[in-house]
Amino acid sequence: MAVEARIRELGARHQNLEQAIREETMRPAADAMRLKELKRKKLKLKEEMEALGAQAH
């Protein structure tokens, strides 16, 4: 059960990063470095969720 809860938590954080990326890209002068960092964090969370998902099954 703890693994599923962790995956849900990571999923929520992943969604928050997705929203932050959308907001940043909508700004007139989007910060490329901030976008790169947000995307890197989002990818790291996705990889962690996939690894945990593989362990859960």
PDB file of N, CA and C in Angstrom:
ATOM      1  N   MET A   1       0.821  -1.195   0.000  1.00  0.00           N
ATOM      2  CA  MET A   1       0.000   0.000   0.000  1.00  0.00           C
ATOM      3  C   MET A   1       0.864   1.258   0.000  1.00  0.00           C
ATOM      4  N   ALA A   2       1.989   1.222   0.665  1.00  0.00           N
ATOM      5  CA  ALA A   2       2.858   2.396   0.740  1.00  0.00           C
ATOM      6  C   ALA A   2       3.399   2.778  -0.633  1.00  0.00           C
ATOM      7  N   VAL A   3       3.665   1.776  -1.476  1.00  0.00           N
ATOM      8  CA  VAL A   3       4.183   2.054  -2.813  1.00  0.00           C
ATOM      9  C   VAL A   3       3.138   2.797  -3.636  1.00  0.00           C
ATOM     10  N   GLU A   4       1.889   2.350  -3.551  1.00  0.00           N
ATOM     11  CA  GLU A   4       0.818   3.001  -4.308  1.00  0.00           C
ATOM     12  C   GLU A   4       0.624   4.448  -3.848  1.00  0.00           C
ATOM     13  N   ALA A   5       0.719   4.674  -2.539  1.00  0.00           N
ATOM     14  CA  ALA A   5       0.583   6.029  -2.003  1.00  0.00           C
ATOM     15  C   ALA A   5       1.728   6.915  -2.504  1.00  0.00           C
ATOM     16  N   ARG A   6       2.911   6.369  -2.546  1.00  0.00           N
ATOM     17  CA  ARG A   6       4.076   7.124  -3.040  1.00  0.00           C
ATOM     18  C   ARG A   6       3.894   7.460  -4.528  1.00  0.00           C
ATOM     19  N   ILE A   7       3.392   6.501  -5.289  1.00  0.00           N
ATOM     20  CA  ILE A   7       3.157   6.746  -6.714  1.00  0.00           C
ATOM     21  C   ILE A   7       2.123   7.852  -6.891  1.00  0.00           C
ATOM     22  N   ARG A   8       1.059   7.834  -6.081  1.00  0.00           N
ATOM     23  CA  ARG A   8       0.047   8.895  -6.157  1.00  0.00           C
ATOM     24  C   ARG A   8       0.650  10.258  -5.807  1.00  0.00           C
ATOM     25  N   GLU A   9       1.479  10.280  -4.770  1.00  0.00           N
ATOM     26  CA  GLU A   9       2.137  11.532  -4.368  1.00  0.00           C
ATOM     27  C   GLU A   9       3.012  12.065  -5.500  1.00  0.00           C
ATOM     28  N   LEU A  10       3.795  11.171  -6.095  1.00  0.00           N
ATOM     29  CA  LEU A  10       4.662  11.577  -7.201  1.00  0.00           C
ATOM     30  C   LEU A  10       3.827  12.039  -8.392  1.00  0.00           C
ATOM     31  N   GLY A  11       2.696  11.376  -8.624  1.00  0.00           N
ATOM     32  CA  GLY A  11       1.806  11.766  -9.710  1.00  0.00           C
ATOM     33  C   GLY A  11       1.270  13.171  -9.516  1.00  0.00           C
ATOM     34  N   ALA A  12       0.928  13.507  -8.287  1.00  0.00           N
ATOM     35  CA  ALA A  12       0.435  14.852  -7.988  1.00  0.00           C
ATOM     36  C   ALA A  12       1.532  15.883  -8.218  1.00  0.00           C
ATOM     37  N   ARG A  13       2.736  15.570  -7.791  1.00  0.00           N
ATOM     38  CA  ARG A  13       3.855  16.485  -8.009  1.00  0.00           C
ATOM     39  C   ARG A  13       4.146  16.633  -9.501  1.00  0.00           C
ATOM     40  N   HIS A  14       4.021  15.531 -10.238  1.00  0.00           N
ATOM     41  CA  HIS A  14       4.222  15.538 -11.692  1.00  0.00           C
ATOM     42  C   HIS A  14       3.211  16.476 -12.348  1.00  0.00           C
ATOM     43  N   GLN A  15       1.944  16.402 -11.910  1.00  0.00           N
ATOM     44  CA  GLN A  15       0.902  17.272 -12.450  1.00  0.00           C
ATOM     45  C   GLN A  15       1.192  18.737 -12.122  1.00  0.00           C
ATOM     46  N   ASN A  16       1.667  19.009 -10.911  1.00  0.00           N
ATOM     47  CA  ASN A  16       2.018  20.375 -10.525  1.00  0.00           C
ATOM     48  C   ASN A  16       3.134  20.929 -11.411  1.00  0.00           C
ATOM     49  N   LEU A  17       4.108  20.086 -11.716  1.00  0.00           N
ATOM     50  CA  LEU A  17       5.192  20.518 -12.598  1.00  0.00           C
ATOM     51  C   LEU A  17       4.662  20.765 -14.006  1.00  0.00           C
ATOM     52  N   GLU A  18       3.764  19.914 -14.464  1.00  0.00           N
ATOM     53  CA  GLU A  18       3.157  20.100 -15.785  1.00  0.00           C
ATOM     54  C   GLU A  18       2.450  21.455 -15.851  1.00  0.00           C
ATOM     55  N   GLN A  19       1.736  21.794 -14.810  1.00  0.00           N
ATOM     56  CA  GLN A  19       1.044  23.082 -14.754  1.00  0.00           C
ATOM     57  C   GLN A  19       2.048  24.238 -14.746  1.00  0.00           C
ATOM     58  N   ALA A  20       3.115  24.097 -13.989  1.00  0.00           N
ATOM     59  CA  ALA A  20       4.140  25.145 -13.934  1.00  0.00           C
ATOM     60  C   ALA A  20       4.798  25.334 -15.300  1.00  0.00           C
ATOM     61  N   ILE A  21       5.010  24.231 -16.016  1.00  0.00           N
ATOM     62  CA  ILE A  21       5.587  24.308 -17.359  1.00  0.00           C
ATOM     63  C   ILE A  21       4.632  25.041 -18.297  1.00  0.00           C
ATOM     64  N   ARG A  22       3.339  24.696 -18.238  1.00  0.00           N
ATOM     65  CA  ARG A  22       2.347  25.383 -19.078  1.00  0.00           C
ATOM     66  C   ARG A  22       2.324  26.873 -18.783  1.00  0.00           C
ATOM     67  N   GLU A  23       2.322  27.214 -17.499  1.00  0.00           N
ATOM     68  CA  GLU A  23       2.285  28.629 -17.110  1.00  0.00           C
ATOM     69  C   GLU A  23       3.530  29.367 -17.600  1.00  0.00           C
ATOM     70  N   GLU A  24       4.676  28.727 -17.471  1.00  0.00           N
ATOM     71  CA  GLU A  24       5.925  29.372 -17.893  1.00  0.00           C
ATOM     72  C   GLU A  24       5.941  29.587 -19.408  1.00  0.00           C
ATOM     73  N   THR A  25       5.472  28.610 -20.173  1.00  0.00           N
ATOM     74  CA  THR A  25       5.477  28.746 -21.632  1.00  0.00           C
ATOM     75  C   THR A  25       4.486  29.803 -22.102  1.00  0.00           C
ATOM     76  N   MET A  26       3.478  30.109 -21.305  1.00  0.00           N
ATOM     77  CA  MET A  26       2.491  31.116 -21.677  1.00  0.00           C
ATOM     78  C   MET A  26       2.970  32.536 -21.377  1.00  0.00           C
ATOM     79  N   ARG A  27       4.015  32.655 -20.589  1.00  0.00           N
ATOM     80  CA  ARG A  27       4.547  33.984 -20.285  1.00  0.00           C
ATOM     81  C   ARG A  27       5.161  34.592 -21.540  1.00  0.00           C
ATOM     82  N   PRO A  28       5.046  35.894 -21.704  1.00  0.00           N
ATOM     83  CA  PRO A  28       5.626  36.544 -22.896  1.00  0.00           C
ATOM     84  C   PRO A  28       7.133  36.321 -23.032  1.00  0.00           C
ATOM     85  N   ALA A  29       7.833  36.329 -21.933  1.00  0.00           N
ATOM     86  CA  ALA A  29       9.278  36.111 -21.963  1.00  0.00           C
ATOM     87  C   ALA A  29       9.601  34.899 -21.096  1.00  0.00           C
ATOM     88  N   ALA A  30       9.282  33.718 -21.619  1.00  0.00           N
ATOM     89  CA  ALA A  30       9.504  32.481 -20.864  1.00  0.00           C
ATOM     90  C   ALA A  30      10.989  32.313 -20.550  1.00  0.00           C
ATOM     91  N   ASP A  31      11.265  31.871 -19.349  1.00  0.00           N
ATOM     92  CA  ASP A  31      12.635  31.649 -18.890  1.00  0.00           C
ATOM     93  C   ASP A  31      13.068  30.241 -19.316  1.00  0.00           C
ATOM     94  N   ALA A  32      13.962  30.184 -20.295  1.00  0.00           N
ATOM     95  CA  ALA A  32      14.401  28.898 -20.844  1.00  0.00           C
ATOM     96  C   ALA A  32      15.073  28.023 -19.782  1.00  0.00           C
ATOM     97  N   MET A  33      15.843  28.632 -18.909  1.00  0.00           N
ATOM     98  CA  MET A  33      16.519  27.851 -17.867  1.00  0.00           C
ATOM     99  C   MET A  33      15.511  27.271 -16.882  1.00  0.00           C
ATOM    100  N   ARG A  34      14.512  28.050 -16.522  1.00  0.00           N
ATOM    101  CA  ARG A  34      13.461  27.552 -15.618  1.00  0.00           C
ATOM    102  C   ARG A  34      12.690  26.414 -16.282  1.00  0.00           C
ATOM    103  N   LEU A  35      12.364  26.572 -17.560  1.00  0.00           N
ATOM    104  CA  LEU A  35      11.652  25.510 -18.272  1.00  0.00           C
ATOM    105  C   LEU A  35      12.477  24.234 -18.306  1.00  0.00           C
ATOM    106  N   LYS A  36      13.753  24.366 -18.574  1.00  0.00           N
ATOM    107  CA  LYS A  36      14.634  23.195 -18.619  1.00  0.00           C
ATOM    108  C   LYS A  36      14.651  22.475 -17.267  1.00  0.00           C
ATOM    109  N   GLU A  37      14.753  23.253 -16.199  1.00  0.00           N
ATOM    110  CA  GLU A  37      14.788  22.670 -14.845  1.00  0.00           C
ATOM    111  C   GLU A  37      13.455  21.995 -14.507  1.00  0.00           C
ATOM    112  N   LEU A  38      12.344  22.647 -14.837  1.00  0.00           N
ATOM    113  CA  LEU A  38      11.028  22.056 -14.570  1.00  0.00           C
ATOM    114  C   LEU A  38      10.854  20.740 -15.340  1.00  0.00           C
ATOM    115  N   LYS A  39      11.261  20.735 -16.597  1.00  0.00           N
ATOM    116  CA  LYS A  39      11.130  19.533 -17.419  1.00  0.00           C
ATOM    117  C   LYS A  39      12.032  18.413 -16.898  1.00  0.00           C
ATOM    118  N   ARG A  40      13.219  18.780 -16.422  1.00  0.00           N
ATOM    119  CA  ARG A  40      14.130  17.773 -15.863  1.00  0.00           C
ATOM    120  C   ARG A  40      13.519  17.136 -14.616  1.00  0.00           C
ATOM    121  N   LYS A  41      12.942  17.979 -13.755  1.00  0.00           N
ATOM    122  CA  LYS A  41      12.305  17.459 -12.540  1.00  0.00           C
ATOM    123  C   LYS A  41      11.109  16.571 -12.890  1.00  0.00           C
ATOM    124  N   LYS A  42      10.335  16.990 -13.877  1.00  0.00           N
ATOM    125  CA  LYS A  42       9.160  16.220 -14.289  1.00  0.00           C
ATOM    126  C   LYS A  42       9.587  14.845 -14.807  1.00  0.00           C
ATOM    127  N   LEU A  43      10.632  14.806 -15.618  1.00  0.00           N
ATOM    128  CA  LEU A  43      11.130  13.541 -16.144  1.00  0.00           C
ATOM    129  C   LEU A  43      11.638  12.636 -15.022  1.00  0.00           C
ATOM    130  N   LYS A  44      12.339  13.220 -14.068  1.00  0.00           N
ATOM    131  CA  LYS A  44      12.850  12.439 -12.934  1.00  0.00           C
ATOM    132  C   LYS A  44      11.697  11.806 -12.151  1.00  0.00           C
ATOM    133  N   LEU A  45      10.622  12.580 -11.923  1.00  0.00           N
ATOM    134  CA  LEU A  45       9.455  12.044 -11.220  1.00  0.00           C
ATOM    135  C   LEU A  45       8.811  10.908 -12.021  1.00  0.00           C
ATOM    136  N   LYS A  46       8.703  11.095 -13.333  1.00  0.00           N
ATOM    137  CA  LYS A  46       8.109  10.063 -14.183  1.00  0.00           C
ATOM    138  C   LYS A  46       8.921   8.770 -14.095  1.00  0.00           C
ATOM    139  N   GLU A  47      10.231   8.902 -14.168  1.00  0.00           N
ATOM    140  CA  GLU A  47      11.097   7.725 -14.076  1.00  0.00           C
ATOM    141  C   GLU A  47      10.940   7.035 -12.726  1.00  0.00           C
ATOM    142  N   GLU A  48      10.834   7.803 -11.660  1.00  0.00           N
ATOM    143  CA  GLU A  48      10.665   7.229 -10.323  1.00  0.00           C
ATOM    144  C   GLU A  48       9.315   6.515 -10.209  1.00  0.00           C
ATOM    145  N   MET A  49       8.259   7.126 -10.769  1.00  0.00           N
ATOM    146  CA  MET A  49       6.939   6.489 -10.743  1.00  0.00           C
ATOM    147  C   MET A  49       6.950   5.169 -11.516  1.00  0.00           C
ATOM    148  N   GLU A  50       7.618   5.160 -12.674  1.00  0.00           N
ATOM    149  CA  GLU A  50       7.694   3.932 -13.460  1.00  0.00           C
ATOM    150  C   GLU A  50       8.472   2.841 -12.731  1.00  0.00           C
ATOM    151  N   ALA A  51       9.550   3.214 -12.067  1.00  0.00           N
ATOM    152  CA  ALA A  51      10.347   2.246 -11.310  1.00  0.00           C
ATOM    153  C   ALA A  51       9.531   1.668 -10.157  1.00  0.00           C
ATOM    154  N   LEU A  52       8.803   2.528  -9.449  1.00  0.00           N
ATOM    155  CA  LEU A  52       7.968   2.059  -8.346  1.00  0.00           C
ATOM    156  C   LEU A  52       6.830   1.186  -8.869  1.00  0.00           C
ATOM    157  N   GLY A  53       6.275   1.552  -9.995  1.00  0.00           N
ATOM    158  CA  GLY A  53       5.209   0.751 -10.604  1.00  0.00           C
ATOM    159  C   GLY A  53       5.682  -0.636 -10.964  1.00  0.00           C
ATOM    160  N   ALA A  54       6.893  -0.738 -11.464  1.00  0.00           N
ATOM    161  CA  ALA A  54       7.455  -2.038 -11.813  1.00  0.00           C
ATOM    162  C   ALA A  54       7.681  -2.886 -10.553  1.00  0.00           C
ATOM    163  N   GLN A  55       8.070  -2.239  -9.448  1.00  0.00           N
ATOM    164  CA  GLN A  55       8.267  -2.957  -8.182  1.00  0.00           C
ATOM    165  C   GLN A  55       6.951  -3.439  -7.604  1.00  0.00           C
ATOM    166  N   ALA A  56       5.896  -2.665  -7.809  1.00  0.00           N
ATOM    167  CA  ALA A  56       4.607  -3.002  -7.221  1.00  0.00           C
ATOM    168  C   ALA A  56       3.987  -4.226  -7.879  1.00  0.00           C
ATOM    169  N   HIS A  57       4.392  -4.523  -9.106  1.00  0.00           N
ATOM    170  CA  HIS A  57       3.786  -5.668  -9.823  1.00  0.00           C
ATOM    171  C   HIS A  57       4.682  -6.825  -9.861  1.00  0.00           C
TER     172      HIS A  57
END
